[in-house]
Amino acid sequence: MTIKKDFQVTRHSPDFWHVTFDNPPLNLIGPATINDLNELAREMEADPELKVVLFDSANPEFFIAHFDMSRAGEAQPDMPGGRSVWIDFTERLSQSPAISIASVRGRARGVGNEMLLACDLRFASLEKAIFCQPEVAFGLVPGGGAIERLTLLMGRGRALEMLLGSDDFDAATAERYGMINRALPDHELDGFVAEFIRRIRSFDREGLSTVKQLVNRHGLPNADDLIASTNAFRRATSLESTRKRLGQLAEGARTNPDFERRLGYHAGQLSR
């Protein structure tokens, strides 16, 4: 087992790794975690035996709550070509020969939802999974791939509903809209995912990676578009109105125990 700052990697066998996010109480992601994830994606690319990587959370209430804005100043310089470290990670994850699978319980919002969107397959608890892109409510724009990947998965209208509304989506709606593969009763989720992984691990790695590569020709966002969205996010952070709304976010999280649980609801109340 490899333990990073905010997640741990269990290498069950040469062809199967299990990554568990574990940064209580909310599983926030900061710059150090992003760097560690990028390093993990590079290891996935380089491993000649790896077939499947499973991502899940040790916290059934929060998969990944969102980015930790209090640590935004720690961000690393961009990669060559103008890509942020986060965009570099998500592109590597999507293009790795290994199949990435997310098993989702709890809330996946902002960068947490963008991480799921970069995975190849997403399975979620019908009762416990919640998805949200709350950036617009706080004066921001999603800059980590949500705009591009949601549009590819859901279509323009449904992507706009999620992005502009900044509200929570339950797993049934996410499945119906095409954002996730399946919403399963919570007591069935682990067994279903385990059996799916067992099944594809029994197949040749070459076939798995080749099919993924061929599907990627039609299902991945343009790299320049991803960079443009990142730059739009950065411009938004400098606006006075955004700083005010982010202050409301910080205050709500500090003073209201319900704020993070129902972030989608509270985001819609900020201007009232």
C-alpha atoms as a PDB file:
ATOM      1  CA  MET A   1       0.000   0.000   0.000  1.00  0.00           C
ATOM      2  CA  THR A   2       1.146   3.519  -0.865  1.00  0.00           C
ATOM      3  CA  ILE A   3      -0.207   6.293   1.370  1.00  0.00           C
ATOM      4  CA  LYS A   4      -0.261   9.831  -0.008  1.00  0.00           C
ATOM      5  CA  LYS A   5      -1.401  12.916   1.842  1.00  0.00           C
ATOM      6  CA  ASP A   6      -5.099  12.616   0.932  1.00  0.00           C
ATOM      7  CA  PHE A   7      -5.468   9.151  -0.621  1.00  0.00           C
ATOM      8  CA  GLN A   8      -4.028   5.677  -0.464  1.00  0.00           C
ATOM      9  CA  VAL A   9      -3.194   3.254  -3.253  1.00  0.00           C
ATOM     10  CA  THR A  10      -3.572  -0.486  -2.705  1.00  0.00           C
ATOM     11  CA  ARG A  11      -1.954  -2.610  -5.409  1.00  0.00           C
ATOM     12  CA  HIS A  12      -4.007  -5.774  -5.068  1.00  0.00           C
ATOM     13  CA  SER A  13      -2.187  -7.405  -7.972  1.00  0.00           C
ATOM     14  CA  PRO A  14       0.000  -6.320 -10.886  1.00  0.00           C
ATOM     15  CA  ASP A  15      -3.119  -5.669 -12.985  1.00  0.00           C
ATOM     16  CA  PHE A  16      -5.434  -4.058 -10.378  1.00  0.00           C
ATOM     17  CA  TRP A  17      -4.950  -0.965  -8.201  1.00  0.00           C
ATOM     18  CA  HIS A  18      -7.425   0.526  -5.742  1.00  0.00           C
ATOM     19  CA  VAL A  19      -7.268   4.253  -4.917  1.00  0.00           C
ATOM     20  CA  THR A  20      -9.230   5.460  -1.868  1.00  0.00           C
ATOM     21  CA  PHE A  21      -9.644   9.145  -1.050  1.00  0.00           C
ATOM     22  CA  ASP A  22      -9.297   9.689   2.698  1.00  0.00           C
ATOM     23  CA  ASN A  23      -8.982  13.306   3.809  1.00  0.00           C
ATOM     24  CA  PRO A  24     -11.612  13.789   6.539  1.00  0.00           C
ATOM     25  CA  PRO A  25     -13.959  15.365   7.159  1.00  0.00           C
ATOM     26  CA  LEU A  26     -14.830  16.446   3.587  1.00  0.00           C
ATOM     27  CA  ASN A  27     -12.201  14.934   1.282  1.00  0.00           C
ATOM     28  CA  LEU A  28     -11.164  18.349  -0.003  1.00  0.00           C
ATOM     29  CA  ILE A  29      -8.555  18.425  -2.775  1.00  0.00           C
ATOM     30  CA  GLY A  30      -5.644  20.864  -2.709  1.00  0.00           C
ATOM     31  CA  PRO A  31      -2.570  21.478  -4.883  1.00  0.00           C
ATOM     32  CA  ALA A  32      -0.476  18.797  -3.135  1.00  0.00           C
ATOM     33  CA  THR A  33      -3.161  16.184  -3.814  1.00  0.00           C
ATOM     34  CA  ILE A  34      -3.332  17.231  -7.458  1.00  0.00           C
ATOM     35  CA  ASN A  35       0.421  16.774  -7.785  1.00  0.00           C
ATOM     36  CA  ASP A  36       0.151  13.317  -6.201  1.00  0.00           C
ATOM     37  CA  LEU A  37      -2.677  12.373  -8.560  1.00  0.00           C
ATOM     38  CA  ASN A  38      -0.651  13.495 -11.549  1.00  0.00           C
ATOM     39  CA  GLU A  39       2.228  11.335 -10.369  1.00  0.00           C
ATOM     40  CA  LEU A  40      -0.203   8.417 -10.019  1.00  0.00           C
ATOM     41  CA  ALA A  41      -1.459   8.923 -13.582  1.00  0.00           C
ATOM     42  CA  ARG A  42       2.109   8.834 -14.854  1.00  0.00           C
ATOM     43  CA  GLU A  43       2.663   5.545 -13.007  1.00  0.00           C
ATOM     44  CA  MET A  44      -0.513   4.173 -14.598  1.00  0.00           C
ATOM     45  CA  GLU A  45       0.742   5.130 -18.058  1.00  0.00           C
ATOM     46  CA  ALA A  46       4.101   3.474 -17.524  1.00  0.00           C
ATOM     47  CA  ASP A  47       2.981   0.182 -15.974  1.00  0.00           C
ATOM     48  CA  PRO A  48       2.950  -2.581 -18.638  1.00  0.00           C
ATOM     49  CA  GLU A  49       0.716  -4.955 -16.639  1.00  0.00           C
ATOM     50  CA  LEU A  50      -1.935  -2.660 -15.169  1.00  0.00           C
ATOM     51  CA  LYS A  51      -5.473  -3.198 -16.447  1.00  0.00           C
ATOM     52  CA  VAL A  52      -7.860  -1.543 -13.977  1.00  0.00           C
ATOM     53  CA  VAL A  53      -7.735   1.255 -11.392  1.00  0.00           C
ATOM     54  CA  LEU A  54     -10.688   1.721  -9.027  1.00  0.00           C
ATOM     55  CA  PHE A  55     -11.319   5.081  -7.318  1.00  0.00           C
ATOM     56  CA  ASP A  56     -13.560   5.368  -4.265  1.00  0.00           C
ATOM     57  CA  SER A  57     -13.806   7.158  -0.913  1.00  0.00           C
ATOM     58  CA  ALA A  58     -13.356   6.096   2.695  1.00  0.00           C
ATOM     59  CA  ASN A  59     -16.103   8.593   3.615  1.00  0.00           C
ATOM     60  CA  PRO A  60     -19.633   7.522   2.584  1.00  0.00           C
ATOM     61  CA  GLU A  61     -20.860  11.132   2.913  1.00  0.00           C
ATOM     62  CA  PHE A  62     -18.238  12.806   0.698  1.00  0.00           C
ATOM     63  CA  PHE A  63     -16.469  11.356  -2.328  1.00  0.00           C
ATOM     64  CA  ILE A  64     -14.621  14.648  -2.952  1.00  0.00           C
ATOM     65  CA  ALA A  65     -16.406  17.743  -1.645  1.00  0.00           C
ATOM     66  CA  HIS A  66     -14.579  20.287  -3.840  1.00  0.00           C
ATOM     67  CA  PHE A  67     -11.273  22.131  -4.183  1.00  0.00           C
ATOM     68  CA  ASP A  68      -9.824  23.624  -1.010  1.00  0.00           C
ATOM     69  CA  MET A  69      -9.855  27.328  -1.932  1.00  0.00           C
ATOM     70  CA  SER A  70      -7.872  28.193   1.204  1.00  0.00           C
ATOM     71  CA  ARG A  71      -4.873  26.487  -0.434  1.00  0.00           C
ATOM     72  CA  ALA A  72      -5.256  27.975  -3.908  1.00  0.00           C
ATOM     73  CA  GLY A  73      -2.100  30.035  -3.440  1.00  0.00           C
ATOM     74  CA  GLU A  74      -0.039  26.841  -3.269  1.00  0.00           C
ATOM     75  CA  ALA A  75      -0.790  25.888  -6.873  1.00  0.00           C
ATOM     76  CA  GLN A  76       2.137  24.755  -8.992  1.00  0.00           C
ATOM     77  CA  PRO A  77       3.181  26.449 -12.262  1.00  0.00           C
ATOM     78  CA  ASP A  78       1.580  25.230 -15.451  1.00  0.00           C
ATOM     79  CA  MET A  79       2.983  22.326 -17.410  1.00  0.00           C
ATOM     80  CA  PRO A  80       4.645  22.889 -20.810  1.00  0.00           C
ATOM     81  CA  GLY A  81       2.036  23.969 -23.346  1.00  0.00           C
ATOM     82  CA  GLY A  82       0.013  25.938 -20.811  1.00  0.00           C
ATOM     83  CA  ARG A  83      -1.818  23.038 -19.210  1.00  0.00           C
ATOM     84  CA  SER A  84      -2.474  23.206 -15.489  1.00  0.00           C
ATOM     85  CA  VAL A  85      -1.321  20.239 -13.421  1.00  0.00           C
ATOM     86  CA  TRP A  86      -4.990  19.293 -12.951  1.00  0.00           C
ATOM     87  CA  ILE A  87      -5.708  19.252 -16.678  1.00  0.00           C
ATOM     88  CA  ASP A  88      -2.529  17.263 -17.255  1.00  0.00           C
ATOM     89  CA  PHE A  89      -3.720  14.709 -14.678  1.00  0.00           C
ATOM     90  CA  THR A  90      -7.222  14.345 -16.125  1.00  0.00           C
ATOM     91  CA  GLU A  91      -5.939  13.991 -19.682  1.00  0.00           C
ATOM     92  CA  ARG A  92      -3.426  11.356 -18.619  1.00  0.00           C
ATOM     93  CA  LEU A  93      -6.133   9.487 -16.714  1.00  0.00           C
ATOM     94  CA  SER A  94      -8.457   9.481 -19.733  1.00  0.00           C
ATOM     95  CA  GLN A  95      -5.699   8.444 -22.128  1.00  0.00           C
ATOM     96  CA  SER A  96      -3.930   5.874 -19.938  1.00  0.00           C
ATOM     97  CA  PRO A  97      -4.008   2.283 -21.247  1.00  0.00           C
ATOM     98  CA  ALA A  98      -5.518   1.248 -17.889  1.00  0.00           C
ATOM     99  CA  ILE A  99      -9.285   1.389 -17.381  1.00  0.00           C
ATOM    100  CA  SER A 100     -10.288   3.859 -14.651  1.00  0.00           C
ATOM    101  CA  ILE A 101     -13.498   3.187 -12.705  1.00  0.00           C
ATOM    102  CA  ALA A 102     -15.136   5.436 -10.101  1.00  0.00           C
ATOM    103  CA  SER A 103     -17.410   3.911  -7.463  1.00  0.00           C
ATOM    104  CA  VAL A 104     -19.256   6.848  -5.928  1.00  0.00           C
ATOM    105  CA  ARG A 105     -20.861   7.264  -2.548  1.00  0.00           C
ATOM    106  CA  GLY A 106     -21.470  10.700  -1.114  1.00  0.00           C
ATOM    107  CA  ARG A 107     -20.990  14.141  -2.604  1.00  0.00           C
ATOM    108  CA  ALA A 108     -18.791  14.791  -5.643  1.00  0.00           C
ATOM    109  CA  ARG A 109     -18.761  18.506  -6.365  1.00  0.00           C
ATOM    110  CA  GLY A 110     -16.591  20.881  -8.359  1.00  0.00           C
ATOM    111  CA  VAL A 111     -13.171  19.370  -8.936  1.00  0.00           C
ATOM    112  CA  GLY A 112     -14.468  16.128  -7.374  1.00  0.00           C
ATOM    113  CA  ASN A 113     -17.084  15.811 -10.086  1.00  0.00           C
ATOM    114  CA  GLU A 114     -14.488  16.760 -12.713  1.00  0.00           C
ATOM    115  CA  MET A 115     -12.284  13.930 -11.478  1.00  0.00           C
ATOM    116  CA  LEU A 116     -15.142  11.459 -11.994  1.00  0.00           C
ATOM    117  CA  LEU A 117     -15.802  12.804 -15.473  1.00  0.00           C
ATOM    118  CA  ALA A 118     -12.196  12.048 -16.453  1.00  0.00           C
ATOM    119  CA  CYS A 119     -12.621   8.400 -15.420  1.00  0.00           C
ATOM    120  CA  ASP A 120     -13.639   5.871 -18.041  1.00  0.00           C
ATOM    121  CA  LEU A 121     -16.597   4.454 -16.105  1.00  0.00           C
ATOM    122  CA  ARG A 122     -18.733   5.799 -13.250  1.00  0.00           C
ATOM    123  CA  PHE A 123     -21.004   3.711 -11.010  1.00  0.00           C
ATOM    124  CA  ALA A 124     -22.864   5.307  -8.115  1.00  0.00           C
ATOM    125  CA  SER A 125     -24.984   4.618  -5.067  1.00  0.00           C
ATOM    126  CA  LEU A 126     -28.617   5.373  -5.864  1.00  0.00           C
ATOM    127  CA  GLU A 127     -29.274   6.567  -2.332  1.00  0.00           C
ATOM    128  CA  LYS A 128     -25.995   8.271  -1.401  1.00  0.00           C
ATOM    129  CA  ALA A 129     -24.290   9.757  -4.469  1.00  0.00           C
ATOM    130  CA  ILE A 130     -24.703  13.481  -5.220  1.00  0.00           C
ATOM    131  CA  PHE A 131     -23.118  15.405  -8.092  1.00  0.00           C
ATOM    132  CA  CYS A 132     -22.707  19.159  -8.528  1.00  0.00           C
ATOM    133  CA  GLN A 133     -20.762  21.857 -10.363  1.00  0.00           C
ATOM    134  CA  PRO A 134     -21.348  24.841  -8.035  1.00  0.00           C
ATOM    135  CA  GLU A 135     -18.813  27.254  -9.513  1.00  0.00           C
ATOM    136  CA  VAL A 136     -21.210  29.691 -11.213  1.00  0.00           C
ATOM    137  CA  ALA A 137     -23.025  30.300  -7.918  1.00  0.00           C
ATOM    138  CA  PHE A 138     -19.740  31.553  -6.456  1.00  0.00           C
ATOM    139  CA  GLY A 139     -18.821  33.779  -9.379  1.00  0.00           C
ATOM    140  CA  LEU A 140     -16.504  31.235 -11.000  1.00  0.00           C
ATOM    141  CA  VAL A 141     -16.616  29.020 -14.075  1.00  0.00           C
ATOM    142  CA  PRO A 142     -15.668  25.328 -14.063  1.00  0.00           C
ATOM    143  CA  GLY A 143     -12.047  25.197 -15.170  1.00  0.00           C
ATOM    144  CA  GLY A 144     -11.125  21.549 -14.754  1.00  0.00           C
ATOM    145  CA  GLY A 145     -12.931  19.834 -17.617  1.00  0.00           C
ATOM    146  CA  ALA A 146     -16.590  19.864 -16.549  1.00  0.00           C
ATOM    147  CA  ILE A 147     -17.750  22.171 -19.344  1.00  0.00           C
ATOM    148  CA  GLU A 148     -16.228  19.996 -22.042  1.00  0.00           C
ATOM    149  CA  ARG A 149     -16.893  16.550 -20.604  1.00  0.00           C
ATOM    150  CA  LEU A 150     -20.449  17.188 -19.454  1.00  0.00           C
ATOM    151  CA  THR A 151     -21.360  18.519 -22.901  1.00  0.00           C
ATOM    152  CA  LEU A 152     -19.920  15.395 -24.532  1.00  0.00           C
ATOM    153  CA  LEU A 153     -21.725  13.067 -22.117  1.00  0.00           C
ATOM    154  CA  MET A 154     -25.064  14.812 -21.621  1.00  0.00           C
ATOM    155  CA  GLY A 155     -25.564  17.147 -24.555  1.00  0.00           C
ATOM    156  CA  ARG A 156     -25.642  20.932 -24.579  1.00  0.00           C
ATOM    157  CA  GLY A 157     -28.945  21.573 -22.837  1.00  0.00           C
ATOM    158  CA  ARG A 158     -28.460  19.192 -19.942  1.00  0.00           C
ATOM    159  CA  ALA A 159     -24.855  20.331 -19.486  1.00  0.00           C
ATOM    160  CA  LEU A 160     -26.052  23.928 -19.247  1.00  0.00           C
ATOM    161  CA  GLU A 161     -28.688  22.926 -16.701  1.00  0.00           C
ATOM    162  CA  MET A 162     -26.034  21.442 -14.423  1.00  0.00           C
ATOM    163  CA  LEU A 163     -23.407  24.125 -14.995  1.00  0.00           C
ATOM    164  CA  LEU A 164     -25.631  27.192 -14.772  1.00  0.00           C
ATOM    165  CA  GLY A 165     -27.928  25.878 -12.049  1.00  0.00           C
ATOM    166  CA  SER A 166     -25.060  25.009  -9.664  1.00  0.00           C
ATOM    167  CA  ASP A 167     -27.447  22.604  -7.934  1.00  0.00           C
ATOM    168  CA  ASP A 168     -27.100  19.069  -6.617  1.00  0.00           C
ATOM    169  CA  PHE A 169     -28.034  16.186  -8.929  1.00  0.00           C
ATOM    170  CA  ASP A 170     -29.043  12.851  -7.442  1.00  0.00           C
ATOM    171  CA  ALA A 171     -27.725   9.620  -8.903  1.00  0.00           C
ATOM    172  CA  ALA A 172     -30.977   8.738 -10.669  1.00  0.00           C
ATOM    173  CA  THR A 173     -30.924  12.042 -12.575  1.00  0.00           C
ATOM    174  CA  ALA A 174     -27.199  11.711 -13.327  1.00  0.00           C
ATOM    175  CA  GLU A 175     -27.840   8.256 -14.806  1.00  0.00           C
ATOM    176  CA  ARG A 176     -30.829   9.453 -16.832  1.00  0.00           C
ATOM    177  CA  TYR A 177     -28.827  12.382 -18.194  1.00  0.00           C
ATOM    178  CA  GLY A 178     -25.909  10.132 -19.189  1.00  0.00           C
ATOM    179  CA  MET A 179     -23.326  11.479 -16.745  1.00  0.00           C
ATOM    180  CA  ILE A 180     -22.806   8.137 -15.001  1.00  0.00           C
ATOM    181  CA  ASN A 181     -23.050   4.589 -16.301  1.00  0.00           C
ATOM    182  CA  ARG A 182     -25.377   3.230 -13.611  1.00  0.00           C
ATOM    183  CA  ALA A 183     -27.061   4.215 -10.377  1.00  0.00           C
ATOM    184  CA  LEU A 184     -27.339   1.092  -8.249  1.00  0.00           C
ATOM    185  CA  PRO A 185     -29.002   0.411  -4.883  1.00  0.00           C
ATOM    186  CA  ASP A 186     -26.324   1.058  -2.288  1.00  0.00           C
ATOM    187  CA  HIS A 187     -26.259  -2.535  -1.073  1.00  0.00           C
ATOM    188  CA  GLU A 188     -25.578  -3.720  -4.649  1.00  0.00           C
ATOM    189  CA  LEU A 189     -22.910  -1.184  -5.635  1.00  0.00           C
ATOM    190  CA  ASP A 190     -19.789  -2.862  -4.255  1.00  0.00           C
ATOM    191  CA  GLY A 191     -20.717  -6.294  -5.557  1.00  0.00           C
ATOM    192  CA  PHE A 192     -21.572  -5.002  -9.019  1.00  0.00           C
ATOM    193  CA  VAL A 193     -18.313  -3.059  -9.337  1.00  0.00           C
ATOM    194  CA  ALA A 194     -16.255  -5.977  -8.014  1.00  0.00           C
ATOM    195  CA  GLU A 195     -17.827  -8.370 -10.508  1.00  0.00           C
ATOM    196  CA  PHE A 196     -17.356  -5.950 -13.411  1.00  0.00           C
ATOM    197  CA  ILE A 197     -13.688  -5.532 -12.506  1.00  0.00           C
ATOM    198  CA  ARG A 198     -13.242  -9.302 -12.157  1.00  0.00           C
ATOM    199  CA  ARG A 199     -14.794  -9.771 -15.579  1.00  0.00           C
ATOM    200  CA  ILE A 200     -12.672  -7.293 -17.516  1.00  0.00           C
ATOM    201  CA  ARG A 201      -9.504  -8.347 -15.686  1.00  0.00           C
ATOM    202  CA  SER A 202     -10.019 -11.788 -17.216  1.00  0.00           C
ATOM    203  CA  PHE A 203      -9.636 -10.270 -20.689  1.00  0.00           C
ATOM    204  CA  ASP A 204      -6.376  -9.465 -22.472  1.00  0.00           C
ATOM    205  CA  ARG A 205      -4.891  -6.080 -21.629  1.00  0.00           C
ATOM    206  CA  GLU A 206      -4.235  -5.363 -25.299  1.00  0.00           C
ATOM    207  CA  GLY A 207      -7.910  -5.657 -26.163  1.00  0.00           C
ATOM    208  CA  LEU A 208      -8.994  -3.440 -23.267  1.00  0.00           C
ATOM    209  CA  SER A 209      -6.494  -0.678 -23.995  1.00  0.00           C
ATOM    210  CA  THR A 210      -7.041  -0.777 -27.757  1.00  0.00           C
ATOM    211  CA  VAL A 211     -10.806  -0.389 -27.472  1.00  0.00           C
ATOM    212  CA  LYS A 212     -10.346   2.484 -25.028  1.00  0.00           C
ATOM    213  CA  GLN A 213      -7.902   4.189 -27.403  1.00  0.00           C
ATOM    214  CA  LEU A 214     -10.306   3.830 -30.337  1.00  0.00           C
ATOM    215  CA  VAL A 215     -13.300   5.130 -28.359  1.00  0.00           C
ATOM    216  CA  ASN A 216     -11.172   8.070 -27.206  1.00  0.00           C
ATOM    217  CA  ARG A 217     -11.017   9.282 -30.827  1.00  0.00           C
ATOM    218  CA  HIS A 218     -14.678  10.276 -30.492  1.00  0.00           C
ATOM    219  CA  GLY A 219     -15.226  10.944 -26.793  1.00  0.00           C
ATOM    220  CA  LEU A 220     -12.532  13.236 -25.362  1.00  0.00           C
ATOM    221  CA  PRO A 221     -12.454  17.044 -25.207  1.00  0.00           C
ATOM    222  CA  ASN A 222     -10.081  19.180 -27.211  1.00  0.00           C
ATOM    223  CA  ALA A 223      -6.932  20.056 -25.249  1.00  0.00           C
ATOM    224  CA  ASP A 224      -7.072  23.722 -26.258  1.00  0.00           C
ATOM    225  CA  ASP A 225     -10.654  23.970 -24.988  1.00  0.00           C
ATOM    226  CA  LEU A 226      -9.592  22.596 -21.607  1.00  0.00           C
ATOM    227  CA  ILE A 227      -6.839  25.213 -21.343  1.00  0.00           C
ATOM    228  CA  ALA A 228      -9.299  27.962 -22.320  1.00  0.00           C
ATOM    229  CA  SER A 229     -11.686  26.948 -19.533  1.00  0.00           C
ATOM    230  CA  THR A 230      -8.848  26.931 -17.003  1.00  0.00           C
ATOM    231  CA  ASN A 231      -7.882  30.434 -18.059  1.00  0.00           C
ATOM    232  CA  ALA A 232     -11.508  31.584 -17.753  1.00  0.00           C
ATOM    233  CA  PHE A 233     -11.612  30.185 -14.219  1.00  0.00           C
ATOM    234  CA  ARG A 234      -8.463  32.080 -13.307  1.00  0.00           C
ATOM    235  CA  ARG A 235      -9.815  35.347 -14.692  1.00  0.00           C
ATOM    236  CA  ALA A 236     -12.986  34.919 -12.656  1.00  0.00           C
ATOM    237  CA  THR A 237     -11.043  34.577  -9.404  1.00  0.00           C
ATOM    238  CA  SER A 238      -9.815  38.162  -9.749  1.00  0.00           C
ATOM    239  CA  LEU A 239     -13.308  39.693  -9.832  1.00  0.00           C
ATOM    240  CA  GLU A 240     -14.523  41.577  -6.775  1.00  0.00           C
ATOM    241  CA  SER A 241     -17.959  39.953  -7.031  1.00  0.00           C
ATOM    242  CA  THR A 242     -16.326  36.526  -7.015  1.00  0.00           C
ATOM    243  CA  ARG A 243     -14.250  37.320  -3.939  1.00  0.00           C
ATOM    244  CA  LYS A 244     -17.434  38.386  -2.164  1.00  0.00           C
ATOM    245  CA  ARG A 245     -19.231  35.168  -3.047  1.00  0.00           C
ATOM    246  CA  LEU A 246     -16.233  33.039  -2.091  1.00  0.00           C
ATOM    247  CA  GLY A 247     -16.235  34.826   1.236  1.00  0.00           C
ATOM    248  CA  GLN A 248     -19.855  33.798   1.685  1.00  0.00           C
ATOM    249  CA  LEU A 249     -18.864  30.223   0.853  1.00  0.00           C
ATOM    250  CA  ALA A 250     -16.121  30.248   3.478  1.00  0.00           C
ATOM    251  CA  GLU A 251     -18.398  31.809   6.083  1.00  0.00           C
ATOM    252  CA  GLY A 252     -21.197  29.359   5.389  1.00  0.00           C
ATOM    253  CA  ALA A 253     -18.857  26.385   5.639  1.00  0.00           C
ATOM    254  CA  ARG A 254     -17.429  27.741   8.905  1.00  0.00           C
ATOM    255  CA  THR A 255     -20.703  28.562  10.656  1.00  0.00           C
ATOM    256  CA  ASN A 256     -23.370  26.257   9.233  1.00  0.00           C
ATOM    257  CA  PRO A 257     -22.973  22.481   9.714  1.00  0.00           C
ATOM    258  CA  ASP A 258     -25.554  21.904   6.979  1.00  0.00           C
ATOM    259  CA  PHE A 259     -23.754  24.067   4.398  1.00  0.00           C
ATOM    260  CA  GLU A 260     -21.477  21.423   2.903  1.00  0.00           C
ATOM    261  CA  ARG A 261     -24.132  18.716   3.102  1.00  0.00           C
ATOM    262  CA  ARG A 262     -26.593  20.775   1.027  1.00  0.00           C
ATOM    263  CA  LEU A 263     -24.208  23.007  -0.864  1.00  0.00           C
ATOM    264  CA  GLY A 264     -26.389  23.010  -3.964  1.00  0.00           C
ATOM    265  CA  TYR A 265     -29.336  24.385  -1.992  1.00  0.00           C
ATOM    266  CA  HIS A 266     -27.315  26.971  -0.067  1.00  0.00           C
ATOM    267  CA  ALA A 267     -25.533  28.147  -3.227  1.00  0.00           C
ATOM    268  CA  GLY A 268     -28.914  29.244  -4.549  1.00  0.00           C
ATOM    269  CA  GLN A 269     -29.580  31.372  -1.461  1.00  0.00           C
ATOM    270  CA  LEU A 270     -26.424  33.526  -1.521  1.00  0.00           C
ATOM    271  CA  SER A 271     -27.928  36.623  -3.147  1.00  0.00           C
ATOM    272  CA  ARG A 272     -31.090  36.608  -1.033  1.00  0.00           C
END
